């Protein structure tokens, strides 16, 4: 019986030792996780400092190019409108010229 009790006590002592080691390992792992989290946060902050100015710069370039494209589109639209007006005017002049030719041909007898 004493042997069984001694064996159980030894097992409890061993289990307590293993438990202490696990607790130490858990604490070490928690510290490692905390350090990794801090490291990641630092890296993230650095990335934000680098990336944000690039994003702002790219956005400003995009806005500038959009404004330039809008201005060019408006200019081309005005030119198109002017060309359509010129075309309509020329068609009217052609019609008038055709009518005058027809009138002259009628007077000449052709």
C-alpha atoms as a PDB file:
ATOM      1  CA  UNK A   1       0.000   0.000   0.000  1.00  0.00           C
ATOM      2  CA  UNK A   2       2.799   2.388   0.900  1.00  0.00           C
ATOM      3  CA  UNK A   3       4.345   1.651  -2.484  1.00  0.00           C
ATOM      4  CA  UNK A   4       1.111   2.614  -4.238  1.00  0.00           C
ATOM      5  CA  UNK A   5       0.874   5.825  -2.206  1.00  0.00           C
ATOM      6  CA  UNK A   6       4.525   6.612  -2.919  1.00  0.00           C
ATOM      7  CA  UNK A   7       3.966   5.963  -6.635  1.00  0.00           C
ATOM      8  CA  UNK A   8       0.878   8.214  -6.636  1.00  0.00           C
ATOM      9  CA  UNK A   9       2.806  10.921  -4.759  1.00  0.00           C
ATOM     10  CA  UNK A  10       5.635  10.643  -7.293  1.00  0.00           C
ATOM     11  CA  UNK A  11       3.141  10.869 -10.125  1.00  0.00           C
ATOM     12  CA  UNK A  12       1.534  13.952  -8.516  1.00  0.00           C
ATOM     13  CA  UNK A  13       4.953  15.531  -8.017  1.00  0.00           C
ATOM     14  CA  UNK A  14       5.835  14.781 -11.654  1.00  0.00           C
ATOM     15  CA  UNK A  15       2.493  16.122 -12.832  1.00  0.00           C
ATOM     16  CA  UNK A  16       2.988  19.293 -10.764  1.00  0.00           C
ATOM     17  CA  UNK A  17       6.463  19.726 -12.247  1.00  0.00           C
ATOM     18  CA  UNK A  18       5.094  19.262 -15.781  1.00  0.00           C
ATOM     19  CA  UNK A  19       2.295  21.712 -14.978  1.00  0.00           C
ATOM     20  CA  UNK A  20       4.846  24.316 -13.784  1.00  0.00           C
ATOM     21  CA  UNK A  21       6.831  23.802 -16.983  1.00  0.00           C
ATOM     22  CA  UNK A  22       3.673  24.183 -19.079  1.00  0.00           C
ATOM     23  CA  UNK A  23       2.802  27.386 -17.220  1.00  0.00           C
ATOM     24  CA  UNK A  24       6.304  28.734 -17.881  1.00  0.00           C
ATOM     25  CA  UNK A  25       5.989  27.781 -21.528  1.00  0.00           C
ATOM     26  CA  UNK A  26       2.553  29.407 -21.720  1.00  0.00           C
ATOM     27  CA  UNK A  27       3.995  32.619 -20.261  1.00  0.00           C
ATOM     28  CA  UNK A  28       6.883  32.532 -22.736  1.00  0.00           C
ATOM     29  CA  UNK A  29       4.462  31.983 -25.611  1.00  0.00           C
ATOM     30  CA  UNK A  30       2.285  34.864 -24.405  1.00  0.00           C
ATOM     31  CA  UNK A  31       5.342  37.115 -24.335  1.00  0.00           C
ATOM     32  CA  UNK A  32       6.318  35.943 -27.827  1.00  0.00           C
ATOM     33  CA  UNK A  33       2.802  36.651 -29.102  1.00  0.00           C
ATOM     34  CA  UNK A  34       2.876  40.091 -27.477  1.00  0.00           C
ATOM     35  CA  UNK A  35       6.250  40.859 -29.060  1.00  0.00           C
ATOM     36  CA  UNK A  36       5.036  39.664 -32.465  1.00  0.00           C
ATOM     37  CA  UNK A  37       1.890  41.767 -32.101  1.00  0.00           C
ATOM     38  CA  UNK A  38       3.973  44.845 -31.247  1.00  0.00           C
ATOM     39  CA  UNK A  39       6.290  44.110 -34.165  1.00  0.00           C
ATOM     40  CA  UNK A  40       3.366  43.739 -36.550  1.00  0.00           C
ATOM     41  CA  UNK A  41       1.800  46.940 -35.269  1.00  0.00           C
ATOM     42  CA  UNK A  42       5.087  48.783 -35.806  1.00  0.00           C
ATOM     43  CA  UNK A  43       5.431  47.380 -39.313  1.00  0.00           C
ATOM     44  CA  UNK A  44       1.819  48.284 -40.065  1.00  0.00           C
ATOM     45  CA  UNK A  45       2.372  51.844 -38.866  1.00  0.00           C
ATOM     46  CA  UNK A  46       5.474  52.125 -41.047  1.00  0.00           C
ATOM     47  CA  UNK A  47       3.574  50.774 -44.044  1.00  0.00           C
ATOM     48  CA  UNK A  48       0.813  53.295 -43.485  1.00  0.00           C
ATOM     49  CA  UNK A  49       3.396  56.101 -43.355  1.00  0.00           C
ATOM     50  CA  UNK A  50       4.833  54.931 -46.677  1.00  0.00           C
ATOM     51  CA  UNK A  51       1.647  53.896 -48.468  1.00  0.00           C
ATOM     52  CA  UNK A  52      -0.645  56.793 -47.514  1.00  0.00           C
ATOM     53  CA  UNK A  53       1.439  59.460 -49.282  1.00  0.00           C
ATOM     54  CA  UNK A  54       1.549  57.240 -52.370  1.00  0.00           C
ATOM     55  CA  UNK A  55      -2.210  56.821 -52.287  1.00  0.00           C
ATOM     56  CA  UNK A  56      -2.711  60.567 -51.880  1.00  0.00           C
ATOM     57  CA  UNK A  57      -0.276  61.292 -54.695  1.00  0.00           C
ATOM     58  CA  UNK A  58      -1.920  58.764 -57.010  1.00  0.00           C
ATOM     59  CA  UNK A  59      -5.360  60.135 -56.165  1.00  0.00           C
ATOM     60  CA  UNK A  60      -4.236  63.687 -56.912  1.00  0.00           C
ATOM     61  CA  UNK A  61      -2.738  62.557 -60.226  1.00  0.00           C
ATOM     62  CA  UNK A  62      -5.973  60.747 -61.036  1.00  0.00           C
ATOM     63  CA  UNK A  63      -8.027  63.859 -60.299  1.00  0.00           C
ATOM     64  CA  UNK A  64      -5.680  65.986 -62.379  1.00  0.00           C
ATOM     65  CA  UNK A  65      -5.872  63.617 -65.327  1.00  0.00           C
ATOM     66  CA  UNK A  66      -9.654  63.392 -64.995  1.00  0.00           C
ATOM     67  CA  UNK A  67      -9.864  67.192 -65.096  1.00  0.00           C
ATOM     68  CA  UNK A  68      -7.592  67.324 -68.128  1.00  0.00           C
ATOM     69  CA  UNK A  69      -9.683  64.646 -69.861  1.00  0.00           C
ATOM     70  CA  UNK A  70     -12.902  66.499 -68.981  1.00  0.00           C
ATOM     71  CA  UNK A  71     -11.466  69.734 -70.421  1.00  0.00           C
ATOM     72  CA  UNK A  72     -10.347  67.940 -73.574  1.00  0.00           C
ATOM     73  CA  UNK A  73     -13.775  66.318 -73.924  1.00  0.00           C
ATOM     74  CA  UNK A  74     -15.482  69.693 -73.566  1.00  0.00           C
ATOM     75  CA  UNK A  75     -13.132  71.211 -76.144  1.00  0.00           C
ATOM     76  CA  UNK A  76     -13.768  68.358 -78.578  1.00  0.00           C
ATOM     77  CA  UNK A  77     -17.522  68.645 -77.982  1.00  0.00           C
ATOM     78  CA  UNK A  78     -17.383  72.370 -78.811  1.00  0.00           C
ATOM     79  CA  UNK A  79     -15.381  71.623 -81.966  1.00  0.00           C
ATOM     80  CA  UNK A  80     -17.910  68.968 -82.965  1.00  0.00           C
ATOM     81  CA  UNK A  81     -20.765  71.405 -82.422  1.00  0.00           C
ATOM     82  CA  UNK A  82     -18.957  74.042 -84.507  1.00  0.00           C
ATOM     83  CA  UNK A  83     -18.324  71.521 -87.300  1.00  0.00           C
ATOM     84  CA  UNK A  84     -21.983  70.509 -87.296  1.00  0.00           C
ATOM     85  CA  UNK A  85     -22.982  74.182 -87.579  1.00  0.00           C
ATOM     86  CA  UNK A  86     -20.517  74.674 -90.433  1.00  0.00           C
ATOM     87  CA  UNK A  87     -21.837  71.564 -92.170  1.00  0.00           C
ATOM     88  CA  UNK A  88     -25.428  72.767 -91.852  1.00  0.00           C
ATOM     89  CA  UNK A  89     -24.430  76.205 -93.187  1.00  0.00           C
ATOM     90  CA  UNK A  90     -22.569  74.628 -96.116  1.00  0.00           C
ATOM     91  CA  UNK A  91     -25.571  72.413 -96.873  1.00  0.00           C
ATOM     92  CA  UNK A  92     -27.768  75.517 -96.940  1.00  0.00           C
ATOM     93  CA  UNK A  93     -25.276  77.260 -99.222  1.00  0.00           C
ATOM     94  CA  UNK A  94     -25.186  74.214-101.509  1.00  0.00           C
ATOM     95  CA  UNK A  95     -28.985  74.170-101.608  1.00  0.00           C
ATOM     96  CA  UNK A  96     -29.054  77.882-102.472  1.00  0.00           C
ATOM     97  CA  UNK A  97     -26.356  77.400-105.093  1.00  0.00           C
ATOM     98  CA  UNK A  98     -28.277  74.451-106.567  1.00  0.00           C
ATOM     99  CA  UNK A  99     -31.419  76.536-106.711  1.00  0.00           C
ATOM    100  CA  UNK A 100     -29.552  79.401-108.401  1.00  0.00           C
ATOM    101  CA  UNK A 101     -28.018  76.964-110.896  1.00  0.00           C
ATOM    102  CA  UNK A 102     -31.427  75.503-111.611  1.00  0.00           C
ATOM    103  CA  UNK A 103     -32.845  79.012-112.068  1.00  0.00           C
ATOM    104  CA  UNK A 104     -29.988  80.012-114.386  1.00  0.00           C
ATOM    105  CA  UNK A 105     -30.353  76.801-116.388  1.00  0.00           C
ATOM    106  CA  UNK A 106     -34.058  77.513-116.717  1.00  0.00           C
ATOM    107  CA  UNK A 107     -33.329  81.056-117.894  1.00  0.00           C
ATOM    108  CA  UNK A 108     -30.720  79.878-120.377  1.00  0.00           C
ATOM    109  CA  UNK A 109     -32.940  77.080-121.521  1.00  0.00           C
ATOM    110  CA  UNK A 110     -31.031  74.011-120.547  1.00  0.00           C
END
